[in-house]
């Protein structure tokens, strides 16, 4: 079996509330590496950045980029992909950026009775899948993305985050 190269993932902590989660970067790195292997994506030469922020920071991003003036748990910003093939010596290609909000994520994990690191892994995987082209705009797309997330999380030893939720139409 060939050795897969994982995308270079930079984790930037921009809100003090994340200081209470010293293993956040390791949790995220493991989740992204597992997701990249699971989808067999051609991302070995790519980079992505994950910003660990707070509700105020993500609310600003959500308002500026989506016109929704409220915090959310995770936002993904896929980078435009070059049309020309990569040549030796080119800079690594950017997959994009992911922002994760501490307070919203903490509240969701607590409300759902899930370990914080399980929910963090889930949001990192969810954001990564958006960067490589997955979405949940239609019910079929949402089901396919949720199935893939569930499979990836199972590889991490994390139970299905959707198991107790009712399907939304």
N, C-alpha and C. Protein backbone atom coordinates (compact mmCIF):
# COMPACT_ATOMS: atom_id res chain seq x y z
N UNK A 1 0.85 -1.18 0.00
CA UNK A 1 0.00 0.00 0.00
C UNK A 1 0.89 1.24 0.00
N UNK A 2 0.61 2.19 -0.90
CA UNK A 2 1.46 3.39 -0.96
C UNK A 2 1.28 4.25 0.28
N UNK A 3 2.35 4.96 0.62
CA UNK A 3 2.29 5.87 1.76
C UNK A 3 1.64 7.17 1.29
N UNK A 4 0.55 7.54 1.93
CA UNK A 4 -0.13 8.76 1.54
C UNK A 4 0.49 9.95 2.25
N UNK A 5 0.62 11.04 1.53
CA UNK A 5 1.12 12.27 2.11
C UNK A 5 -0.09 13.12 2.46
N UNK A 6 -0.15 13.59 3.69
CA UNK A 6 -1.28 14.39 4.14
C UNK A 6 -1.04 15.85 3.83
N UNK A 7 -2.13 16.61 3.72
CA UNK A 7 -1.94 18.04 3.47
C UNK A 7 -1.26 18.70 4.67
N UNK A 8 -0.50 19.72 4.38
CA UNK A 8 0.12 20.52 5.43
C UNK A 8 -1.00 21.34 6.07
N UNK A 9 -1.22 21.12 7.35
CA UNK A 9 -2.29 21.80 8.06
C UNK A 9 -1.70 22.70 9.12
N UNK A 10 -1.94 24.00 8.98
CA UNK A 10 -1.47 24.95 9.98
C UNK A 10 -2.65 25.34 10.85
N UNK A 11 -2.46 25.23 12.16
CA UNK A 11 -3.51 25.59 13.11
C UNK A 11 -3.11 26.89 13.78
N UNK A 12 -3.96 27.89 13.65
CA UNK A 12 -3.72 29.21 14.22
C UNK A 12 -4.72 29.46 15.34
N UNK A 13 -4.22 29.69 16.54
CA UNK A 13 -5.09 29.98 17.67
C UNK A 13 -5.17 31.50 17.82
N UNK A 14 -6.35 32.06 17.59
CA UNK A 14 -6.49 33.51 17.62
C UNK A 14 -7.40 34.00 18.75
N UNK A 15 -7.89 33.08 19.58
CA UNK A 15 -8.74 33.45 20.70
C UNK A 15 -8.24 32.75 21.96
N UNK A 16 -8.14 33.50 23.03
CA UNK A 16 -7.60 32.97 24.29
C UNK A 16 -8.39 31.79 24.84
N UNK A 17 -9.69 31.69 24.54
CA UNK A 17 -10.50 30.61 25.08
C UNK A 17 -9.96 29.23 24.68
N UNK A 18 -9.24 29.15 23.59
CA UNK A 18 -8.68 27.87 23.13
C UNK A 18 -7.50 27.42 23.98
N UNK A 19 -6.97 28.29 24.83
CA UNK A 19 -5.84 27.90 25.68
C UNK A 19 -6.22 26.78 26.64
N UNK A 20 -7.53 26.62 26.89
CA UNK A 20 -8.02 25.54 27.76
C UNK A 20 -8.03 24.19 27.06
N UNK A 21 -7.67 24.16 25.77
CA UNK A 21 -7.69 22.93 24.98
C UNK A 21 -6.29 22.71 24.39
N UNK A 22 -5.33 22.30 25.23
CA UNK A 22 -3.94 22.22 24.75
C UNK A 22 -3.72 21.18 23.65
N UNK A 23 -4.60 20.19 23.53
CA UNK A 23 -4.42 19.17 22.50
C UNK A 23 -5.23 19.45 21.23
N UNK A 24 -5.80 20.65 21.09
CA UNK A 24 -6.64 20.97 19.93
C UNK A 24 -5.90 20.76 18.62
N UNK A 25 -4.66 21.21 18.54
CA UNK A 25 -3.92 21.06 17.27
C UNK A 25 -3.73 19.59 16.92
N UNK A 26 -3.37 18.76 17.88
CA UNK A 26 -3.17 17.33 17.61
C UNK A 26 -4.47 16.67 17.17
N UNK A 27 -5.57 17.03 17.82
CA UNK A 27 -6.88 16.47 17.45
C UNK A 27 -7.21 16.84 16.00
N UNK A 28 -6.99 18.09 15.65
CA UNK A 28 -7.28 18.56 14.30
C UNK A 28 -6.37 17.89 13.27
N UNK A 29 -5.08 17.83 13.55
CA UNK A 29 -4.13 17.20 12.61
C UNK A 29 -4.54 15.76 12.32
N UNK A 30 -4.89 15.03 13.36
CA UNK A 30 -5.29 13.62 13.20
C UNK A 30 -6.58 13.51 12.39
N UNK A 31 -7.54 14.38 12.65
CA UNK A 31 -8.81 14.36 11.93
C UNK A 31 -8.61 14.66 10.45
N UNK A 32 -7.82 15.67 10.14
CA UNK A 32 -7.58 16.05 8.74
C UNK A 32 -6.81 14.94 8.01
N UNK A 33 -5.80 14.37 8.65
CA UNK A 33 -5.03 13.28 8.02
C UNK A 33 -5.93 12.08 7.72
N UNK A 34 -6.79 11.74 8.67
CA UNK A 34 -7.69 10.60 8.47
C UNK A 34 -8.69 10.90 7.36
N UNK A 35 -9.21 12.11 7.32
CA UNK A 35 -10.15 12.49 6.26
C UNK A 35 -9.49 12.45 4.89
N UNK A 36 -8.26 12.96 4.80
CA UNK A 36 -7.55 12.97 3.52
C UNK A 36 -7.33 11.55 3.01
N UNK A 37 -6.97 10.64 3.90
CA UNK A 37 -6.79 9.24 3.51
C UNK A 37 -8.10 8.61 3.10
N UNK A 38 -9.16 8.89 3.84
CA UNK A 38 -10.46 8.26 3.59
C UNK A 38 -11.03 8.63 2.23
N UNK A 39 -10.85 9.87 1.82
CA UNK A 39 -11.42 10.30 0.54
C UNK A 39 -10.42 10.13 -0.60
N UNK A 40 -9.20 9.69 -0.26
CA UNK A 40 -8.16 9.48 -1.26
C UNK A 40 -8.01 10.72 -2.15
N UNK A 41 -8.07 11.88 -1.50
CA UNK A 41 -7.96 13.14 -2.24
C UNK A 41 -6.51 13.42 -2.59
N UNK A 42 -6.31 14.07 -3.71
CA UNK A 42 -4.97 14.46 -4.14
C UNK A 42 -4.61 15.76 -3.42
N UNK A 43 -4.26 15.63 -2.13
CA UNK A 43 -4.01 16.81 -1.33
C UNK A 43 -2.62 16.79 -0.69
N UNK A 44 -1.78 15.85 -1.07
CA UNK A 44 -0.49 15.71 -0.43
C UNK A 44 0.41 16.92 -0.59
N UNK A 45 0.24 17.65 -1.68
CA UNK A 45 1.09 18.82 -1.93
C UNK A 45 0.39 20.11 -1.50
N UNK A 46 -0.74 19.98 -0.84
CA UNK A 46 -1.56 21.14 -0.55
C UNK A 46 -1.41 21.61 0.89
N UNK A 47 -1.86 22.83 1.12
CA UNK A 47 -1.85 23.41 2.46
C UNK A 47 -3.24 23.91 2.78
N UNK A 48 -3.55 23.90 4.08
CA UNK A 48 -4.76 24.53 4.55
C UNK A 48 -4.48 25.12 5.92
N UNK A 49 -5.28 26.09 6.28
CA UNK A 49 -5.12 26.73 7.58
C UNK A 49 -6.43 26.61 8.34
N UNK A 50 -6.31 26.31 9.63
CA UNK A 50 -7.47 26.25 10.50
C UNK A 50 -7.28 27.29 11.59
N UNK A 51 -8.24 28.21 11.66
CA UNK A 51 -8.20 29.27 12.66
C UNK A 51 -9.15 28.91 13.79
N UNK A 52 -8.59 28.82 14.99
CA UNK A 52 -9.40 28.57 16.18
C UNK A 52 -9.74 29.93 16.78
N UNK A 53 -11.01 30.29 16.66
CA UNK A 53 -11.46 31.62 17.04
C UNK A 53 -12.56 31.51 18.09
N UNK A 54 -13.19 32.63 18.36
CA UNK A 54 -14.31 32.66 19.31
C UNK A 54 -15.57 33.07 18.56
N UNK A 55 -16.68 33.14 19.28
CA UNK A 55 -17.95 33.49 18.63
C UNK A 55 -17.92 34.87 17.99
N UNK A 56 -17.24 35.81 18.61
CA UNK A 56 -17.16 37.15 18.05
C UNK A 56 -16.43 37.14 16.71
N UNK A 57 -15.31 36.43 16.66
CA UNK A 57 -14.54 36.36 15.42
C UNK A 57 -15.29 35.66 14.31
N UNK A 58 -15.95 34.56 14.62
CA UNK A 58 -16.66 33.83 13.56
C UNK A 58 -17.93 34.57 13.15
N UNK A 59 -18.51 35.30 14.08
CA UNK A 59 -19.69 36.11 13.73
C UNK A 59 -19.30 37.16 12.68
N UNK A 60 -18.15 37.79 12.87
CA UNK A 60 -17.67 38.77 11.90
C UNK A 60 -17.45 38.12 10.53
N UNK A 61 -16.80 36.96 10.53
CA UNK A 61 -16.57 36.25 9.26
C UNK A 61 -17.90 35.88 8.61
N UNK A 62 -18.82 35.35 9.39
CA UNK A 62 -20.12 34.91 8.88
C UNK A 62 -20.89 36.10 8.30
N UNK A 63 -20.81 37.23 8.97
CA UNK A 63 -21.49 38.44 8.49
C UNK A 63 -20.84 38.97 7.21
N UNK A 64 -19.51 39.05 7.22
CA UNK A 64 -18.80 39.61 6.05
C UNK A 64 -18.90 38.72 4.82
N UNK A 65 -18.82 37.41 4.98
CA UNK A 65 -18.74 36.51 3.84
C UNK A 65 -20.07 35.89 3.43
N UNK A 66 -20.98 35.74 4.41
CA UNK A 66 -22.24 35.07 4.10
C UNK A 66 -23.46 35.95 4.33
N UNK A 67 -23.24 37.15 4.89
CA UNK A 67 -24.35 38.05 5.16
C UNK A 67 -25.25 37.57 6.30
N UNK A 68 -24.72 36.69 7.16
CA UNK A 68 -25.48 36.16 8.29
C UNK A 68 -24.83 36.67 9.56
N UNK A 69 -25.51 37.57 10.25
CA UNK A 69 -24.93 38.26 11.40
C UNK A 69 -25.16 37.49 12.70
N UNK A 70 -24.57 36.29 12.76
CA UNK A 70 -24.61 35.50 14.00
C UNK A 70 -23.45 34.51 13.97
N UNK A 71 -23.05 34.04 15.14
CA UNK A 71 -21.97 33.06 15.16
C UNK A 71 -22.44 31.71 14.65
N UNK A 72 -21.51 30.90 14.22
CA UNK A 72 -21.78 29.53 13.79
C UNK A 72 -20.63 28.68 14.31
N UNK A 73 -20.70 27.37 14.11
CA UNK A 73 -19.64 26.51 14.66
C UNK A 73 -18.40 26.46 13.76
N UNK A 74 -18.60 26.33 12.46
CA UNK A 74 -17.46 26.20 11.54
C UNK A 74 -17.78 26.89 10.22
N UNK A 75 -16.78 27.50 9.64
CA UNK A 75 -16.87 28.08 8.30
C UNK A 75 -15.69 27.58 7.48
N UNK A 76 -15.95 27.32 6.22
CA UNK A 76 -14.90 26.89 5.30
C UNK A 76 -14.81 27.87 4.15
N UNK A 77 -13.58 28.16 3.76
CA UNK A 77 -13.32 29.09 2.66
C UNK A 77 -12.41 28.41 1.65
N UNK A 78 -12.99 27.64 0.69
CA UNK A 78 -12.15 26.97 -0.30
C UNK A 78 -11.38 27.99 -1.14
N UNK A 79 -10.14 27.67 -1.43
CA UNK A 79 -9.33 28.53 -2.29
C UNK A 79 -9.63 28.21 -3.75
N UNK A 80 -9.51 29.22 -4.59
CA UNK A 80 -9.62 28.96 -6.03
C UNK A 80 -8.46 28.05 -6.42
N UNK A 81 -8.75 27.05 -7.21
CA UNK A 81 -7.71 26.12 -7.62
C UNK A 81 -7.14 26.53 -8.97
N UNK A 82 -5.82 26.43 -9.12
CA UNK A 82 -5.20 26.81 -10.41
C UNK A 82 -5.67 25.86 -11.50
N UNK A 83 -5.74 26.40 -12.72
CA UNK A 83 -6.18 25.58 -13.85
C UNK A 83 -4.99 24.86 -14.48
N UNK A 84 -3.80 25.40 -14.32
CA UNK A 84 -2.60 24.77 -14.90
C UNK A 84 -2.08 23.70 -13.95
N UNK A 85 -1.48 22.64 -14.50
CA UNK A 85 -0.92 21.60 -13.63
C UNK A 85 0.25 22.15 -12.79
N UNK A 86 0.43 21.56 -11.65
CA UNK A 86 1.52 21.95 -10.74
C UNK A 86 2.86 21.56 -11.37
N UNK A 87 3.83 22.48 -11.30
CA UNK A 87 5.17 22.19 -11.82
C UNK A 87 6.15 22.14 -10.66
N UNK A 88 7.26 21.40 -10.82
CA UNK A 88 8.27 21.40 -9.76
C UNK A 88 8.70 22.82 -9.46
N UNK A 89 8.85 23.13 -8.19
CA UNK A 89 9.26 24.47 -7.78
C UNK A 89 8.10 25.41 -7.52
N UNK A 90 6.89 25.03 -7.93
CA UNK A 90 5.73 25.86 -7.63
C UNK A 90 5.47 25.85 -6.13
N UNK A 91 4.89 26.91 -5.64
CA UNK A 91 4.48 26.94 -4.23
C UNK A 91 3.38 25.90 -4.03
N UNK A 92 3.28 25.35 -2.82
CA UNK A 92 2.20 24.40 -2.57
C UNK A 92 0.84 25.04 -2.84
N UNK A 93 -0.08 24.25 -3.31
CA UNK A 93 -1.40 24.83 -3.57
C UNK A 93 -2.18 24.90 -2.27
N UNK A 94 -3.00 25.93 -2.17
CA UNK A 94 -3.83 26.14 -0.99
C UNK A 94 -5.19 25.49 -1.20
N UNK A 95 -5.60 24.67 -0.23
CA UNK A 95 -6.96 24.13 -0.27
C UNK A 95 -7.94 25.18 0.22
N UNK A 96 -7.51 25.97 1.21
CA UNK A 96 -8.37 27.01 1.75
C UNK A 96 -8.21 27.13 3.25
N UNK A 97 -9.18 27.76 3.88
CA UNK A 97 -9.14 28.04 5.30
C UNK A 97 -10.42 27.54 5.96
N UNK A 98 -10.27 27.18 7.22
CA UNK A 98 -11.40 26.76 8.05
C UNK A 98 -11.33 27.57 9.33
N UNK A 99 -12.47 28.06 9.80
CA UNK A 99 -12.55 28.74 11.08
C UNK A 99 -13.50 27.96 11.99
N UNK A 100 -13.09 27.74 13.23
CA UNK A 100 -13.92 27.01 14.20
C UNK A 100 -14.07 27.89 15.44
N UNK A 101 -15.32 28.07 15.89
CA UNK A 101 -15.63 28.94 17.03
C UNK A 101 -15.75 28.12 18.31
N UNK A 102 -14.99 28.52 19.31
CA UNK A 102 -14.93 27.80 20.58
C UNK A 102 -16.28 27.74 21.30
N UNK A 103 -16.89 28.90 21.56
CA UNK A 103 -18.09 28.91 22.41
C UNK A 103 -19.24 28.14 21.78
N UNK A 104 -19.49 28.34 20.49
CA UNK A 104 -20.57 27.61 19.82
C UNK A 104 -20.28 26.12 19.84
N UNK A 105 -19.03 25.77 19.54
CA UNK A 105 -18.65 24.36 19.54
C UNK A 105 -18.79 23.74 20.93
N UNK A 106 -18.34 24.45 21.95
CA UNK A 106 -18.43 23.96 23.33
C UNK A 106 -19.89 23.74 23.73
N UNK A 107 -20.74 24.72 23.40
CA UNK A 107 -22.17 24.63 23.73
C UNK A 107 -22.80 23.43 23.04
N UNK A 108 -22.50 23.24 21.75
CA UNK A 108 -23.06 22.10 21.02
C UNK A 108 -22.60 20.77 21.62
N UNK A 109 -21.32 20.66 21.92
CA UNK A 109 -20.79 19.42 22.50
C UNK A 109 -21.48 19.14 23.84
N UNK A 110 -21.61 20.16 24.66
CA UNK A 110 -22.27 20.00 25.96
C UNK A 110 -23.74 19.63 25.80
N UNK A 111 -24.45 20.34 24.91
CA UNK A 111 -25.88 20.07 24.69
C UNK A 111 -26.13 18.66 24.16
N UNK A 112 -25.20 18.17 23.33
CA UNK A 112 -25.36 16.84 22.73
C UNK A 112 -24.70 15.75 23.56
N UNK A 113 -24.06 16.12 24.67
CA UNK A 113 -23.40 15.13 25.52
C UNK A 113 -22.24 14.44 24.84
N UNK A 114 -21.52 15.17 23.99
CA UNK A 114 -20.38 14.61 23.26
C UNK A 114 -19.08 15.14 23.84
N UNK A 115 -18.03 14.31 23.84
CA UNK A 115 -16.73 14.83 24.26
C UNK A 115 -16.29 15.98 23.33
N UNK A 116 -15.68 16.99 23.92
CA UNK A 116 -15.24 18.16 23.16
C UNK A 116 -14.35 17.77 21.99
N UNK A 117 -13.37 16.87 22.22
CA UNK A 117 -12.46 16.50 21.14
C UNK A 117 -13.16 15.75 20.02
N UNK A 118 -14.24 15.02 20.32
CA UNK A 118 -15.01 14.35 19.27
C UNK A 118 -15.69 15.39 18.38
N UNK A 119 -16.27 16.41 19.00
CA UNK A 119 -16.96 17.44 18.22
C UNK A 119 -15.94 18.27 17.43
N UNK A 120 -14.80 18.55 18.02
CA UNK A 120 -13.74 19.26 17.30
C UNK A 120 -13.28 18.46 16.08
N UNK A 121 -13.09 17.18 16.25
CA UNK A 121 -12.72 16.32 15.12
C UNK A 121 -13.79 16.38 14.03
N UNK A 122 -15.05 16.30 14.44
CA UNK A 122 -16.15 16.33 13.48
C UNK A 122 -16.15 17.63 12.69
N UNK A 123 -16.00 18.75 13.37
CA UNK A 123 -16.03 20.03 12.67
C UNK A 123 -14.82 20.20 11.75
N UNK A 124 -13.66 19.69 12.16
CA UNK A 124 -12.47 19.75 11.29
C UNK A 124 -12.70 18.91 10.03
N UNK A 125 -13.25 17.72 10.20
CA UNK A 125 -13.55 16.85 9.05
C UNK A 125 -14.59 17.52 8.15
N UNK A 126 -15.64 18.05 8.74
CA UNK A 126 -16.70 18.71 7.98
C UNK A 126 -16.12 19.87 7.16
N UNK A 127 -15.32 20.71 7.81
CA UNK A 127 -14.70 21.83 7.11
C UNK A 127 -13.78 21.38 5.99
N UNK A 128 -12.98 20.33 6.25
CA UNK A 128 -12.08 19.81 5.23
C UNK A 128 -12.85 19.31 4.02
N UNK A 129 -13.93 18.60 4.25
CA UNK A 129 -14.72 18.08 3.12
C UNK A 129 -15.27 19.23 2.27
N UNK A 130 -15.66 20.33 2.91
CA UNK A 130 -16.08 21.50 2.13
C UNK A 130 -14.94 22.02 1.27
N UNK A 131 -13.72 22.04 1.81
CA UNK A 131 -12.58 22.55 1.05
C UNK A 131 -12.30 21.73 -0.20
N UNK A 132 -12.62 20.44 -0.16
CA UNK A 132 -12.33 19.60 -1.33
C UNK A 132 -13.56 19.35 -2.20
N UNK A 133 -14.63 20.13 -1.96
CA UNK A 133 -15.74 20.13 -2.89
C UNK A 133 -17.05 19.53 -2.42
N UNK A 134 -17.10 18.98 -1.25
CA UNK A 134 -18.37 18.43 -0.75
C UNK A 134 -19.24 19.56 -0.21
N UNK A 135 -20.56 19.38 -0.31
CA UNK A 135 -21.48 20.35 0.30
C UNK A 135 -22.75 19.63 0.75
N UNK A 136 -23.66 20.40 1.31
CA UNK A 136 -24.92 19.83 1.78
C UNK A 136 -26.08 20.71 1.35
N UNK A 137 -26.01 21.15 0.09
CA UNK A 137 -27.04 22.03 -0.45
C UNK A 137 -28.33 21.29 -0.75
N UNK A 138 -28.24 20.01 -1.11
CA UNK A 138 -29.44 19.20 -1.36
C UNK A 138 -29.48 18.07 -0.34
N UNK A 139 -30.63 17.45 -0.18
CA UNK A 139 -30.75 16.33 0.75
C UNK A 139 -29.79 15.20 0.38
N UNK A 140 -29.68 14.91 -0.91
CA UNK A 140 -28.79 13.83 -1.35
C UNK A 140 -27.33 14.17 -1.02
N UNK A 141 -26.94 15.42 -1.30
CA UNK A 141 -25.57 15.84 -0.98
C UNK A 141 -25.32 15.79 0.52
N UNK A 142 -26.31 16.23 1.30
CA UNK A 142 -26.18 16.22 2.76
C UNK A 142 -26.03 14.79 3.28
N UNK A 143 -26.84 13.88 2.75
CA UNK A 143 -26.74 12.48 3.19
C UNK A 143 -25.40 11.87 2.83
N UNK A 144 -24.91 12.17 1.62
CA UNK A 144 -23.61 11.64 1.20
C UNK A 144 -22.49 12.21 2.07
N UNK A 145 -22.55 13.50 2.36
CA UNK A 145 -21.52 14.13 3.18
C UNK A 145 -21.57 13.59 4.61
N UNK A 146 -22.76 13.44 5.17
CA UNK A 146 -22.91 12.90 6.51
C UNK A 146 -22.40 11.46 6.60
N UNK A 147 -22.68 10.66 5.58
CA UNK A 147 -22.18 9.28 5.54
C UNK A 147 -20.67 9.25 5.55
N UNK A 148 -20.07 10.11 4.74
CA UNK A 148 -18.61 10.17 4.66
C UNK A 148 -18.03 10.65 6.00
N UNK A 149 -18.62 11.68 6.58
CA UNK A 149 -18.16 12.16 7.89
C UNK A 149 -18.24 11.03 8.93
N UNK A 150 -19.35 10.31 8.94
CA UNK A 150 -19.55 9.22 9.89
C UNK A 150 -18.49 8.13 9.71
N UNK A 151 -18.18 7.80 8.45
CA UNK A 151 -17.15 6.79 8.16
C UNK A 151 -15.77 7.26 8.64
N UNK A 152 -15.44 8.50 8.38
CA UNK A 152 -14.13 9.05 8.79
C UNK A 152 -14.04 9.07 10.31
N UNK A 153 -15.09 9.56 10.96
CA UNK A 153 -15.09 9.63 12.42
C UNK A 153 -14.99 8.23 13.04
N UNK A 154 -15.63 7.25 12.42
CA UNK A 154 -15.53 5.87 12.92
C UNK A 154 -14.08 5.40 12.89
N UNK A 155 -13.33 5.78 11.86
CA UNK A 155 -11.90 5.43 11.79
C UNK A 155 -11.12 6.06 12.94
N UNK A 156 -11.63 7.16 13.47
CA UNK A 156 -11.01 7.85 14.60
C UNK A 156 -11.54 7.34 15.94
N UNK A 157 -12.46 6.37 15.88
CA UNK A 157 -13.06 5.83 17.10
C UNK A 157 -14.13 6.73 17.69
N UNK A 158 -14.73 7.57 16.86
CA UNK A 158 -15.74 8.52 17.30
C UNK A 158 -17.11 8.06 16.82
N UNK A 159 -18.09 7.96 17.73
CA UNK A 159 -19.44 7.52 17.34
C UNK A 159 -20.09 8.48 16.34
N UNK A 160 -21.05 7.96 15.61
CA UNK A 160 -21.82 8.71 14.62
C UNK A 160 -22.48 9.93 15.26
N UNK A 161 -22.08 11.14 14.84
CA UNK A 161 -22.67 12.35 15.45
C UNK A 161 -24.11 12.58 15.01
N UNK A 162 -24.54 11.89 13.97
CA UNK A 162 -25.89 12.08 13.45
C UNK A 162 -26.86 11.02 13.95
N UNK A 163 -26.40 10.04 14.69
CA UNK A 163 -27.22 8.90 15.09
C UNK A 163 -28.47 9.29 15.86
N UNK A 164 -28.38 10.29 16.71
CA UNK A 164 -29.51 10.65 17.55
C UNK A 164 -30.35 11.79 16.99
N UNK A 165 -30.00 12.28 15.84
CA UNK A 165 -30.72 13.42 15.27
C UNK A 165 -31.80 12.92 14.32
N UNK A 166 -32.90 13.65 14.31
CA UNK A 166 -33.95 13.36 13.33
C UNK A 166 -33.54 14.00 12.01
N UNK A 167 -33.87 13.32 10.93
CA UNK A 167 -33.58 13.86 9.60
C UNK A 167 -34.41 15.09 9.36
N UNK A 168 -33.79 16.11 8.81
CA UNK A 168 -34.52 17.33 8.46
C UNK A 168 -34.84 17.26 6.97
N UNK A 169 -36.04 17.64 6.63
CA UNK A 169 -36.42 17.62 5.20
C UNK A 169 -36.12 18.93 4.54
